[in-house]
PDB file of N, CA and C in Angstrom:
ATOM      1  N   UNK A   1      99.594  87.262 114.605  1.00  0.00           N
ATOM      2  CA  UNK A   1      99.339  87.334 113.180  1.00  0.00           C
ATOM      3  C   UNK A   1      98.011  86.638 112.874  1.00  0.00           C
ATOM      4  N   UNK A   2      97.279  87.222 111.971  1.00  0.00           N
ATOM      5  CA  UNK A   2      95.982  86.665 111.562  1.00  0.00           C
ATOM      6  C   UNK A   2      96.170  85.327 110.852  1.00  0.00           C
ATOM      7  N   UNK A   3      95.172  84.916 110.100  1.00  0.00           N
ATOM      8  CA  UNK A   3      95.177  83.612 109.436  1.00  0.00           C
ATOM      9  C   UNK A   3      95.909  83.640 108.103  1.00  0.00           C
ATOM     10  N   UNK A   4      97.119  84.137 108.106  1.00  0.00           N
ATOM     11  CA  UNK A   4      97.925  84.184 106.903  1.00  0.00           C
ATOM     12  C   UNK A   4      98.455  82.799 106.556  1.00  0.00           C
ATOM     13  N   UNK A   5      98.525  82.514 105.276  1.00  0.00           N
ATOM     14  CA  UNK A   5      99.298  81.369 104.809  1.00  0.00           C
ATOM     15  C   UNK A   5     100.681  81.922 104.490  1.00  0.00           C
ATOM     16  N   UNK A   6     101.705  81.261 104.951  1.00  0.00           N
ATOM     17  CA  UNK A   6     103.060  81.781 104.783  1.00  0.00           C
ATOM     18  C   UNK A   6     103.655  81.366 103.443  1.00  0.00           C
ATOM     19  N   UNK A   7     104.328  82.326 102.815  1.00  0.00           N
ATOM     20  CA  UNK A   7     105.103  82.061 101.609  1.00  0.00           C
ATOM     21  C   UNK A   7     106.559  81.920 102.049  1.00  0.00           C
ATOM     22  N   UNK A   8     107.085  80.712 101.948  1.00  0.00           N
ATOM     23  CA  UNK A   8     108.467  80.482 102.377  1.00  0.00           C
ATOM     24  C   UNK A   8     109.322  79.869 101.279  1.00  0.00           C
ATOM     25  N   UNK A   9     108.718  79.627 100.114  1.00  0.00           N
ATOM     26  CA  UNK A   9     109.467  79.013  99.014  1.00  0.00           C
ATOM     27  C   UNK A   9     108.838  79.410  97.680  1.00  0.00           C
ATOM     28  N   UNK A  10     109.595  79.191  96.629  1.00  0.00           N
ATOM     29  CA  UNK A  10     109.081  79.434  95.276  1.00  0.00           C
ATOM     30  C   UNK A  10     107.900  78.509  95.007  1.00  0.00           C
ATOM     31  N   UNK A  11     107.967  77.306  95.526  1.00  0.00           N
ATOM     32  CA  UNK A  11     106.857  76.357  95.369  1.00  0.00           C
ATOM     33  C   UNK A  11     105.581  76.905  96.017  1.00  0.00           C
ATOM     34  N   UNK A  12     105.712  77.490  97.217  1.00  0.00           N
ATOM     35  CA  UNK A  12     104.552  78.111  97.875  1.00  0.00           C
ATOM     36  C   UNK A  12     103.981  79.222  97.005  1.00  0.00           C
ATOM     37  N   UNK A  13     104.861  80.033  96.419  1.00  0.00           N
ATOM     38  CA  UNK A  13     104.415  81.120  95.554  1.00  0.00           C
ATOM     39  C   UNK A  13     103.666  80.570  94.347  1.00  0.00           C
ATOM     40  N   UNK A  14     104.216  79.548  93.714  1.00  0.00           N
ATOM     41  CA  UNK A  14     103.541  78.952  92.559  1.00  0.00           C
ATOM     42  C   UNK A  14     102.176  78.398  92.937  1.00  0.00           C
ATOM     43  N   UNK A  15     102.082  77.786  94.113  1.00  0.00           N
ATOM     44  CA  UNK A  15     100.787  77.283  94.596  1.00  0.00           C
ATOM     45  C   UNK A  15      99.801  78.429  94.804  1.00  0.00           C
ATOM     46  N   UNK A  16     100.288  79.539  95.370  1.00  0.00           N
ATOM     47  CA  UNK A  16      99.423  80.698  95.596  1.00  0.00           C
ATOM     48  C   UNK A  16      98.927  81.279  94.276  1.00  0.00           C
ATOM     49  N   UNK A  17      99.820  81.390  93.311  1.00  0.00           N
ATOM     50  CA  UNK A  17      99.424  81.936  92.010  1.00  0.00           C
ATOM     51  C   UNK A  17      98.432  81.021  91.309  1.00  0.00           C
ATOM     52  N   UNK A  18      98.632  79.733  91.461  1.00  0.00           N
ATOM     53  CA  UNK A  18      97.670  78.780  90.887  1.00  0.00           C
ATOM     54  C   UNK A  18      96.313  78.907  91.581  1.00  0.00           C
ATOM     55  N   UNK A  19      96.330  79.068  92.898  1.00  0.00           N
ATOM     56  CA  UNK A  19      95.088  79.208  93.669  1.00  0.00           C
ATOM     57  C   UNK A  19      94.328  80.474  93.282  1.00  0.00           C
ATOM     58  N   UNK A  20      95.042  81.478  92.753  1.00  0.00           N
ATOM     59  CA  UNK A  20      94.394  82.740  92.394  1.00  0.00           C
ATOM     60  C   UNK A  20      93.422  82.594  91.227  1.00  0.00           C
ATOM     61  N   UNK A  21      93.419  81.438  90.575  1.00  0.00           N
ATOM     62  CA  UNK A  21      92.431  81.208  89.516  1.00  0.00           C
ATOM     63  C   UNK A  21      91.085  80.773  90.111  1.00  0.00           C
ATOM     64  N   UNK A  22      91.110  80.348  91.367  1.00  0.00           N
ATOM     65  CA  UNK A  22      89.881  79.931  92.051  1.00  0.00           C
ATOM     66  C   UNK A  22      89.297  81.036  92.932  1.00  0.00           C
ATOM     67  N   UNK A  23      90.204  81.820  93.530  1.00  0.00           N
ATOM     68  CA  UNK A  23      89.805  82.858  94.476  1.00  0.00           C
ATOM     69  C   UNK A  23      90.930  83.898  94.509  1.00  0.00           C
ATOM     70  N   UNK A  24      90.599  85.187  94.604  1.00  0.00           N
ATOM     71  CA  UNK A  24      91.662  86.194  94.660  1.00  0.00           C
ATOM     72  C   UNK A  24      92.653  85.909  95.792  1.00  0.00           C
ATOM     73  N   UNK A  25      93.906  86.181  95.520  1.00  0.00           N
ATOM     74  CA  UNK A  25      94.987  85.983  96.480  1.00  0.00           C
ATOM     75  C   UNK A  25      95.536  87.354  96.849  1.00  0.00           C
ATOM     76  N   UNK A  26      95.721  87.563  98.132  1.00  0.00           N
ATOM     77  CA  UNK A  26      96.301  88.792  98.632  1.00  0.00           C
ATOM     78  C   UNK A  26      97.654  88.448  99.250  1.00  0.00           C
ATOM     79  N   UNK A  27      98.705  89.103  98.798  1.00  0.00           N
ATOM     80  CA  UNK A  27     100.050  88.849  99.313  1.00  0.00           C
ATOM     81  C   UNK A  27     100.524  90.091 100.051  1.00  0.00           C
ATOM     82  N   UNK A  28     100.897  89.915 101.321  1.00  0.00           N
ATOM     83  CA  UNK A  28     101.483  91.000 102.103  1.00  0.00           C
ATOM     84  C   UNK A  28     102.974  90.729 102.234  1.00  0.00           C
ATOM     85  N   UNK A  29     103.775  91.599 101.624  1.00  0.00           N
ATOM     86  CA  UNK A  29     105.239  91.495 101.713  1.00  0.00           C
ATOM     87  C   UNK A  29     105.698  92.372 102.867  1.00  0.00           C
ATOM     88  N   UNK A  30     106.277  91.741 103.874  1.00  0.00           N
ATOM     89  CA  UNK A  30     106.608  92.424 105.123  1.00  0.00           C
ATOM     90  C   UNK A  30     108.097  92.371 105.409  1.00  0.00           C
ATOM     91  N   UNK A  31     108.657  93.524 105.753  1.00  0.00           N
ATOM     92  CA  UNK A  31     110.033  93.582 106.221  1.00  0.00           C
ATOM     93  C   UNK A  31     110.011  93.613 107.740  1.00  0.00           C
ATOM     94  N   UNK A  32     110.545  92.586 108.354  1.00  0.00           N
ATOM     95  CA  UNK A  32     110.548  92.499 109.817  1.00  0.00           C
ATOM     96  C   UNK A  32     111.510  93.497 110.445  1.00  0.00           C
ATOM     97  N   UNK A  33     112.279  94.205 109.647  1.00  0.00           N
ATOM     98  CA  UNK A  33     113.231  95.205 110.152  1.00  0.00           C
ATOM     99  C   UNK A  33     112.730  96.634 110.007  1.00  0.00           C
ATOM    100  N   UNK A  34     111.534  96.806 109.513  1.00  0.00           N
ATOM    101  CA  UNK A  34     111.049  98.139 109.154  1.00  0.00           C
ATOM    102  C   UNK A  34     109.824  98.531 109.989  1.00  0.00           C
ATOM    103  N   UNK A  35     109.904  99.662 110.662  1.00  0.00           N
ATOM    104  CA  UNK A  35     108.782 100.113 111.494  1.00  0.00           C
ATOM    105  C   UNK A  35     107.570 100.506 110.646  1.00  0.00           C
ATOM    106  N   UNK A  36     107.799 101.044 109.454  1.00  0.00           N
ATOM    107  CA  UNK A  36     106.679 101.388 108.571  1.00  0.00           C
ATOM    108  C   UNK A  36     105.949 100.118 108.141  1.00  0.00           C
ATOM    109  N   UNK A  37     106.698  99.076 107.845  1.00  0.00           N
ATOM    110  CA  UNK A  37     106.096  97.806 107.461  1.00  0.00           C
ATOM    111  C   UNK A  37     105.261  97.239 108.613  1.00  0.00           C
ATOM    112  N   UNK A  38     105.777  97.327 109.828  1.00  0.00           N
ATOM    113  CA  UNK A  38     105.030  96.825 110.989  1.00  0.00           C
ATOM    114  C   UNK A  38     103.756  97.628 111.202  1.00  0.00           C
ATOM    115  N   UNK A  39     103.840  98.944 111.040  1.00  0.00           N
ATOM    116  CA  UNK A  39     102.665  99.791 111.176  1.00  0.00           C
ATOM    117  C   UNK A  39     101.609  99.421 110.126  1.00  0.00           C
ATOM    118  N   UNK A  40     102.045  99.219 108.882  1.00  0.00           N
ATOM    119  CA  UNK A  40     101.105  98.862 107.814  1.00  0.00           C
ATOM    120  C   UNK A  40     100.453  97.505 108.090  1.00  0.00           C
ATOM    121  N   UNK A  41     101.238  96.545 108.549  1.00  0.00           N
ATOM    122  CA  UNK A  41     100.703  95.222 108.874  1.00  0.00           C
ATOM    123  C   UNK A  41      99.704  95.312 110.019  1.00  0.00           C
ATOM    124  N   UNK A  42     100.039  96.048 111.067  1.00  0.00           N
ATOM    125  CA  UNK A  42      99.132  96.200 112.211  1.00  0.00           C
ATOM    126  C   UNK A  42      97.812  96.835 111.784  1.00  0.00           C
ATOM    127  N   UNK A  43      97.877  97.905 111.003  1.00  0.00           N
ATOM    128  CA  UNK A  43      96.659  98.583 110.547  1.00  0.00           C
ATOM    129  C   UNK A  43      95.832  97.656 109.653  1.00  0.00           C
ATOM    130  N   UNK A  44      96.509  96.954 108.786  1.00  0.00           N
ATOM    131  CA  UNK A  44      95.840  96.009 107.889  1.00  0.00           C
ATOM    132  C   UNK A  44      95.075  94.967 108.693  1.00  0.00           C
ATOM    133  N   UNK A  45      95.741  94.373 109.684  1.00  0.00           N
ATOM    134  CA  UNK A  45      95.116  93.311 110.485  1.00  0.00           C
ATOM    135  C   UNK A  45      94.005  93.837 111.387  1.00  0.00           C
ATOM    136  N   UNK A  46      94.115  95.046 111.885  1.00  0.00           N
ATOM    137  CA  UNK A  46      93.058  95.630 112.723  1.00  0.00           C
ATOM    138  C   UNK A  46      91.761  95.782 111.939  1.00  0.00           C
ATOM    139  N   UNK A  47      91.868  95.984 110.639  1.00  0.00           N
ATOM    140  CA  UNK A  47      90.690  96.228 109.811  1.00  0.00           C
ATOM    141  C   UNK A  47      90.134  94.983 109.144  1.00  0.00           C
ATOM    142  N   UNK A  48      90.707  93.862 109.449  1.00  0.00           N
ATOM    143  CA  UNK A  48      90.293  92.661 108.750  1.00  0.00           C
ATOM    144  C   UNK A  48      89.418  91.803 109.641  1.00  0.00           C
ATOM    145  N   UNK A  49      88.399  91.204 109.051  1.00  0.00           N
ATOM    146  CA  UNK A  49      87.449  90.373 109.796  1.00  0.00           C
ATOM    147  C   UNK A  49      87.112  89.127 108.982  1.00  0.00           C
ATOM    148  N   UNK A  50      86.241  88.316 109.509  1.00  0.00           N
ATOM    149  CA  UNK A  50      85.902  87.039 108.865  1.00  0.00           C
ATOM    150  C   UNK A  50      85.331  87.241 107.462  1.00  0.00           C
ATOM    151  N   UNK A  51      84.548  88.277 107.268  1.00  0.00           N
ATOM    152  CA  UNK A  51      83.994  88.550 105.948  1.00  0.00           C
ATOM    153  C   UNK A  51      85.113  88.829 104.959  1.00  0.00           C
ATOM    154  N   UNK A  52      86.098  89.619 105.381  1.00  0.00           N
ATOM    155  CA  UNK A  52      87.233  89.905 104.511  1.00  0.00           C
ATOM    156  C   UNK A  52      87.944  88.626 104.110  1.00  0.00           C
ATOM    157  N   UNK A  53      88.131  87.742 105.071  1.00  0.00           N
ATOM    158  CA  UNK A  53      88.849  86.502 104.810  1.00  0.00           C
ATOM    159  C   UNK A  53      88.118  85.620 103.816  1.00  0.00           C
ATOM    160  N   UNK A  54      86.802  85.720 103.768  1.00  0.00           N
ATOM    161  CA  UNK A  54      86.049  84.880 102.837  1.00  0.00           C
ATOM    162  C   UNK A  54      86.224  85.346 101.392  1.00  0.00           C
ATOM    163  N   UNK A  55      86.675  86.593 101.196  1.00  0.00           N
ATOM    164  CA  UNK A  55      86.795  87.154  99.850  1.00  0.00           C
ATOM    165  C   UNK A  55      88.145  86.880  99.198  1.00  0.00           C
ATOM    166  N   UNK A  56      89.171  86.627 100.003  1.00  0.00           N
ATOM    167  CA  UNK A  56      90.526  86.425  99.482  1.00  0.00           C
ATOM    168  C   UNK A  56      91.217  85.311 100.254  1.00  0.00           C
ATOM    169  N   UNK A  57      92.272  84.796  99.656  1.00  0.00           N
ATOM    170  CA  UNK A  57      93.175  83.903 100.371  1.00  0.00           C
ATOM    171  C   UNK A  57      94.418  84.727 100.688  1.00  0.00           C
ATOM    172  N   UNK A  58      94.678  84.982 101.980  1.00  0.00           N
ATOM    173  CA  UNK A  58      95.787  85.857 102.352  1.00  0.00           C
ATOM    174  C   UNK A  58      97.113  85.117 102.526  1.00  0.00           C
ATOM    175  N   UNK A  59      98.159  85.685 101.962  1.00  0.00           N
ATOM    176  CA  UNK A  59      99.505  85.130 102.093  1.00  0.00           C
ATOM    177  C   UNK A  59     100.429  86.189 102.676  1.00  0.00           C
ATOM    178  N   UNK A  60     101.348  85.740 103.512  1.00  0.00           N
ATOM    179  CA  UNK A  60     102.313  86.602 104.193  1.00  0.00           C
ATOM    180  C   UNK A  60     103.715  86.185 103.789  1.00  0.00           C
ATOM    181  N   UNK A  61     104.521  87.160 103.423  1.00  0.00           N
ATOM    182  CA  UNK A  61     105.909  86.896 103.079  1.00  0.00           C
ATOM    183  C   UNK A  61     106.829  87.720 103.968  1.00  0.00           C
ATOM    184  N   UNK A  62     107.676  87.045 104.736  1.00  0.00           N
ATOM    185  CA  UNK A  62     108.768  87.702 105.462  1.00  0.00           C
ATOM    186  C   UNK A  62     109.882  87.836 104.444  1.00  0.00           C
ATOM    187  N   UNK A  63     109.992  89.024 103.845  1.00  0.00           N
ATOM    188  CA  UNK A  63     110.928  89.154 102.729  1.00  0.00           C
ATOM    189  C   UNK A  63     112.381  89.218 103.177  1.00  0.00           C
ATOM    190  N   UNK A  64     112.629  89.431 104.451  1.00  0.00           N
ATOM    191  CA  UNK A  64     114.010  89.372 104.942  1.00  0.00           C
ATOM    192  C   UNK A  64     114.475  87.916 104.956  1.00  0.00           C
ATOM    193  N   UNK A  65     113.619  87.040 105.446  1.00  0.00           N
ATOM    194  CA  UNK A  65     113.963  85.611 105.532  1.00  0.00           C
ATOM    195  C   UNK A  65     113.872  84.915 104.176  1.00  0.00           C
ATOM    196  N   UNK A  66     113.035  85.445 103.284  1.00  0.00           N
ATOM    197  CA  UNK A  66     112.777  84.754 102.012  1.00  0.00           C
ATOM    198  C   UNK A  66     112.898  85.728 100.843  1.00  0.00           C
ATOM    199  N   UNK A  67     114.054  86.320 100.724  1.00  0.00           N
ATOM    200  CA  UNK A  67     114.305  87.305  99.669  1.00  0.00           C
ATOM    201  C   UNK A  67     114.143  86.693  98.281  1.00  0.00           C
ATOM    202  N   UNK A  68     114.500  85.409  98.138  1.00  0.00           N
ATOM    203  CA  UNK A  68     114.351  84.753  96.843  1.00  0.00           C
ATOM    204  C   UNK A  68     112.889  84.729  96.392  1.00  0.00           C
ATOM    205  N   UNK A  69     111.982  84.538  97.336  1.00  0.00           N
ATOM    206  CA  UNK A  69     110.554  84.525  96.997  1.00  0.00           C
ATOM    207  C   UNK A  69     110.109  85.933  96.611  1.00  0.00           C
ATOM    208  N   UNK A  70     110.588  86.932  97.347  1.00  0.00           N
ATOM    209  CA  UNK A  70     110.262  88.319  97.020  1.00  0.00           C
ATOM    210  C   UNK A  70     110.749  88.682  95.623  1.00  0.00           C
ATOM    211  N   UNK A  71     111.964  88.280  95.299  1.00  0.00           N
ATOM    212  CA  UNK A  71     112.496  88.551  93.961  1.00  0.00           C
ATOM    213  C   UNK A  71     111.684  87.848  92.883  1.00  0.00           C
ATOM    214  N   UNK A  72     111.256  86.632  93.165  1.00  0.00           N
ATOM    215  CA  UNK A  72     110.444  85.878  92.207  1.00  0.00           C
ATOM    216  C   UNK A  72     109.089  86.544  92.003  1.00  0.00           C
ATOM    217  N   UNK A  73     108.518  87.073  93.077  1.00  0.00           N
ATOM    218  CA  UNK A  73     107.245  87.801  92.965  1.00  0.00           C
ATOM    219  C   UNK A  73     107.414  88.987  92.016  1.00  0.00           C
ATOM    220  N   UNK A  74     108.472  89.750  92.211  1.00  0.00           N
ATOM    221  CA  UNK A  74     108.717  90.913  91.351  1.00  0.00           C
ATOM    222  C   UNK A  74     108.853  90.490  89.891  1.00  0.00           C
ATOM    223  N   UNK A  75     109.606  89.423  89.650  1.00  0.00           N
ATOM    224  CA  UNK A  75     109.819  88.950  88.279  1.00  0.00           C
ATOM    225  C   UNK A  75     108.551  88.363  87.673  1.00  0.00           C
ATOM    226  N   UNK A  76     107.936  87.461  88.411  1.00  0.00           N
ATOM    227  CA  UNK A  76     106.802  86.709  87.865  1.00  0.00           C
ATOM    228  C   UNK A  76     105.550  87.573  87.694  1.00  0.00           C
ATOM    229  N   UNK A  77     105.336  88.517  88.624  1.00  0.00           N
ATOM    230  CA  UNK A  77     104.137  89.349  88.544  1.00  0.00           C
ATOM    231  C   UNK A  77     104.406  90.708  87.900  1.00  0.00           C
ATOM    232  N   UNK A  78     105.672  90.935  87.507  1.00  0.00           N
ATOM    233  CA  UNK A  78     106.058  92.172  86.843  1.00  0.00           C
ATOM    234  C   UNK A  78     105.682  93.398  87.676  1.00  0.00           C
ATOM    235  N   UNK A  79     106.084  93.359  88.952  1.00  0.00           N
ATOM    236  CA  UNK A  79     105.876  94.489  89.856  1.00  0.00           C
ATOM    237  C   UNK A  79     107.218  94.908  90.430  1.00  0.00           C
ATOM    238  N   UNK A  80     107.353  96.184  90.698  1.00  0.00           N
ATOM    239  CA  UNK A  80     108.561  96.687  91.326  1.00  0.00           C
ATOM    240  C   UNK A  80     108.573  96.243  92.781  1.00  0.00           C
ATOM    241  N   UNK A  81     109.716  95.769  93.257  1.00  0.00           N
ATOM    242  CA  UNK A  81     109.836  95.365  94.656  1.00  0.00           C
ATOM    243  C   UNK A  81     109.671  96.581  95.558  1.00  0.00           C
ATOM    244  N   UNK A  82     108.801  96.461  96.532  1.00  0.00           N
ATOM    245  CA  UNK A  82     108.604  97.467  97.567  1.00  0.00           C
ATOM    246  C   UNK A  82     108.417  96.742  98.893  1.00  0.00           C
ATOM    247  N   UNK A  83     108.585  97.474  99.963  1.00  0.00           N
ATOM    248  CA  UNK A  83     108.366  96.915 101.291  1.00  0.00           C
ATOM    249  C   UNK A  83     107.980  98.040 102.241  1.00  0.00           C
ATOM    250  N   UNK A  84     106.844  97.893 102.897  1.00  0.00           N
ATOM    251  CA  UNK A  84     105.849  96.841 102.755  1.00  0.00           C
ATOM    252  C   UNK A  84     105.084  97.010 101.447  1.00  0.00           C
ATOM    253  N   UNK A  85     104.458  95.916 101.053  1.00  0.00           N
ATOM    254  CA  UNK A  85     103.712  95.921  99.793  1.00  0.00           C
ATOM    255  C   UNK A  85     102.575  94.919  99.877  1.00  0.00           C
ATOM    256  N   UNK A  86     101.428  95.307  99.366  1.00  0.00           N
ATOM    257  CA  UNK A  86     100.276  94.416  99.244  1.00  0.00           C
ATOM    258  C   UNK A  86      99.986  94.243  97.768  1.00  0.00           C
ATOM    259  N   UNK A  87      99.816  92.989  97.372  1.00  0.00           N
ATOM    260  CA  UNK A  87      99.499  92.658  95.985  1.00  0.00           C
ATOM    261  C   UNK A  87      98.200  91.876  95.957  1.00  0.00           C
ATOM    262  N   UNK A  88      97.323  92.215  95.049  1.00  0.00           N
ATOM    263  CA  UNK A  88      96.104  91.448  94.822  1.00  0.00           C
ATOM    264  C   UNK A  88      96.278  90.720  93.502  1.00  0.00           C
ATOM    265  N   UNK A  89      96.159  89.404  93.545  1.00  0.00           N
ATOM    266  CA  UNK A  89      96.424  88.566  92.374  1.00  0.00           C
ATOM    267  C   UNK A  89      95.158  87.790  92.008  1.00  0.00           C
ATOM    268  N   UNK A  90      94.788  87.890  90.751  1.00  0.00           N
ATOM    269  CA  UNK A  90      93.652  87.141  90.212  1.00  0.00           C
ATOM    270  C   UNK A  90      94.120  86.494  88.918  1.00  0.00           C
ATOM    271  N   UNK A  91      93.858  85.209  88.796  1.00  0.00           N
ATOM    272  CA  UNK A  91      94.255  84.448  87.605  1.00  0.00           C
ATOM    273  C   UNK A  91      95.751  84.591  87.302  1.00  0.00           C
ATOM    274  N   UNK A  92      96.564  84.596  88.367  1.00  0.00           N
ATOM    275  CA  UNK A  92      98.009  84.628  88.212  1.00  0.00           C
ATOM    276  C   UNK A  92      98.593  85.975  87.830  1.00  0.00           C
ATOM    277  N   UNK A  93      97.742  87.018  87.826  1.00  0.00           N
ATOM    278  CA  UNK A  93      98.196  88.351  87.452  1.00  0.00           C
ATOM    279  C   UNK A  93      97.948  89.328  88.594  1.00  0.00           C
ATOM    280  N   UNK A  94      98.931  90.182  88.833  1.00  0.00           N
ATOM    281  CA  UNK A  94      98.770  91.222  89.848  1.00  0.00           C
ATOM    282  C   UNK A  94      97.891  92.318  89.262  1.00  0.00           C
ATOM    283  N   UNK A  95      96.725  92.524  89.866  1.00  0.00           N
ATOM    284  CA  UNK A  95      95.812  93.550  89.357  1.00  0.00           C
ATOM    285  C   UNK A  95      95.859  94.817  90.206  1.00  0.00           C
ATOM    286  N   UNK A  96      96.561  94.742  91.355  1.00  0.00           N
ATOM    287  CA  UNK A  96      96.590  95.877  92.262  1.00  0.00           C
ATOM    288  C   UNK A  96      97.787  95.751  93.184  1.00  0.00           C
ATOM    289  N   UNK A  97      98.420  96.890  93.443  1.00  0.00           N
ATOM    290  CA  UNK A  97      99.566  96.920  94.351  1.00  0.00           C
ATOM    291  C   UNK A  97      99.539  98.227  95.134  1.00  0.00           C
ATOM    292  N   UNK A  98      99.783  98.134  96.425  1.00  0.00           N
ATOM    293  CA  UNK A  98      99.927  99.316  97.270  1.00  0.00           C
ATOM    294  C   UNK A  98     101.169  99.154  98.126  1.00  0.00           C
ATOM    295  N   UNK A  99     101.765 100.268  98.495  1.00  0.00           N
ATOM    296  CA  UNK A  99     102.973 100.217  99.306  1.00  0.00           C
ATOM    297  C   UNK A  99     102.911 101.232 100.440  1.00  0.00           C
ATOM    298  N   UNK A 100     103.732 100.995 101.415  1.00  0.00           N
ATOM    299  CA  UNK A 100     103.972 101.885 102.548  1.00  0.00           C
ATOM    300  C   UNK A 100     102.682 102.357 103.219  1.00  0.00           C
ATOM    301  N   UNK A 101     102.564 103.658 103.455  1.00  0.00           N
ATOM    302  CA  UNK A 101     101.395 104.180 104.172  1.00  0.00           C
ATOM    303  C   UNK A 101     100.108 104.129 103.354  1.00  0.00           C
ATOM    304  N   UNK A 102     100.199 103.841 102.082  1.00  0.00           N
ATOM    305  CA  UNK A 102      99.002 103.756 101.227  1.00  0.00           C
ATOM    306  C   UNK A 102      98.241 102.450 101.414  1.00  0.00           C
ATOM    307  N   UNK A 103      98.843 101.482 102.084  1.00  0.00           N
ATOM    308  CA  UNK A 103      98.226 100.162 102.222  1.00  0.00           C
ATOM    309  C   UNK A 103      96.951 100.258 103.058  1.00  0.00           C
ATOM    310  N   UNK A 104      95.853  99.878 102.426  1.00  0.00           N
ATOM    311  CA  UNK A 104      94.545  99.836 103.082  1.00  0.00           C
ATOM    312  C   UNK A 104      93.829  98.568 102.631  1.00  0.00           C
ATOM    313  N   UNK A 105      93.353  97.798 103.556  1.00  0.00           N
ATOM    314  CA  UNK A 105      92.630  96.569 103.235  1.00  0.00           C
ATOM    315  C   UNK A 105      91.430  96.868 102.345  1.00  0.00           C
ATOM    316  N   UNK A 106      90.685  97.901 102.663  1.00  0.00           N
ATOM    317  CA  UNK A 106      89.457  98.185 101.926  1.00  0.00           C
ATOM    318  C   UNK A 106      89.720  98.447 100.454  1.00  0.00           C
ATOM    319  N   UNK A 107      90.850  99.053 100.120  1.00  0.00           N
ATOM    320  CA  UNK A 107      91.158  99.312  98.707  1.00  0.00           C
ATOM    321  C   UNK A 107      91.241  98.018  97.914  1.00  0.00           C
ATOM    322  N   UNK A 108      91.864  96.997  98.503  1.00  0.00           N
ATOM    323  CA  UNK A 108      91.953  95.698  97.843  1.00  0.00           C
ATOM    324  C   UNK A 108      90.584  95.043  97.729  1.00  0.00           C
ATOM    325  N   UNK A 109      89.820  95.103  98.798  1.00  0.00           N
ATOM    326  CA  UNK A 109      88.501  94.451  98.803  1.00  0.00           C
ATOM    327  C   UNK A 109      87.533  95.136  97.852  1.00  0.00           C
ATOM    328  N   UNK A 110      87.646  96.444  97.706  1.00  0.00           N
ATOM    329  CA  UNK A 110      86.765  97.158  96.769  1.00  0.00           C
ATOM    330  C   UNK A 110      86.970  96.671  95.344  1.00  0.00           C
ATOM    331  N   UNK A 111      88.193  96.333  94.983  1.00  0.00           N
ATOM    332  CA  UNK A 111      88.469  95.820  93.631  1.00  0.00           C
ATOM    333  C   UNK A 111      87.800  94.473  93.392  1.00  0.00           C
ATOM    334  N   UNK A 112      87.749  93.654  94.414  1.00  0.00           N
ATOM    335  CA  UNK A 112      87.153  92.321  94.282  1.00  0.00           C
ATOM    336  C   UNK A 112      85.639  92.448  94.070  1.00  0.00           C
ATOM    337  N   UNK A 113      85.020  93.394  94.727  1.00  0.00           N
ATOM    338  CA  UNK A 113      83.572  93.560  94.648  1.00  0.00           C
ATOM    339  C   UNK A 113      83.123  94.062  93.281  1.00  0.00           C
ATOM    340  N   UNK A 114      84.023  94.781  92.593  1.00  0.00           N
ATOM    341  CA  UNK A 114      83.646  95.392  91.296  1.00  0.00           C
ATOM    342  C   UNK A 114      83.874  94.461  90.138  1.00  0.00           C
TER     343      UNK A 114
END
């Protein structure tokens, strides 16, 4: 796994959302039981490099182990729960969400540049 910061508690989520006021936060919600989720994570990580990391703070959520955090994300960011799912958060608000085979790192990064 790349340089993800892990979301394992509601406190971690609150810290991530607070950090999104300083720098965009990218949250990858991963189901460790799903082959589509693993494929999306692998493709995402293959396309990511040091430049990408400088643009966002990446967070990883194992939603099987931390379902409470996943539910809180859905409630707090007003997004429908999906898996796999990538969320881009700026100033505590989800400005972009992609799921399943649509997940592409570049789509998230293009939003930050604009």
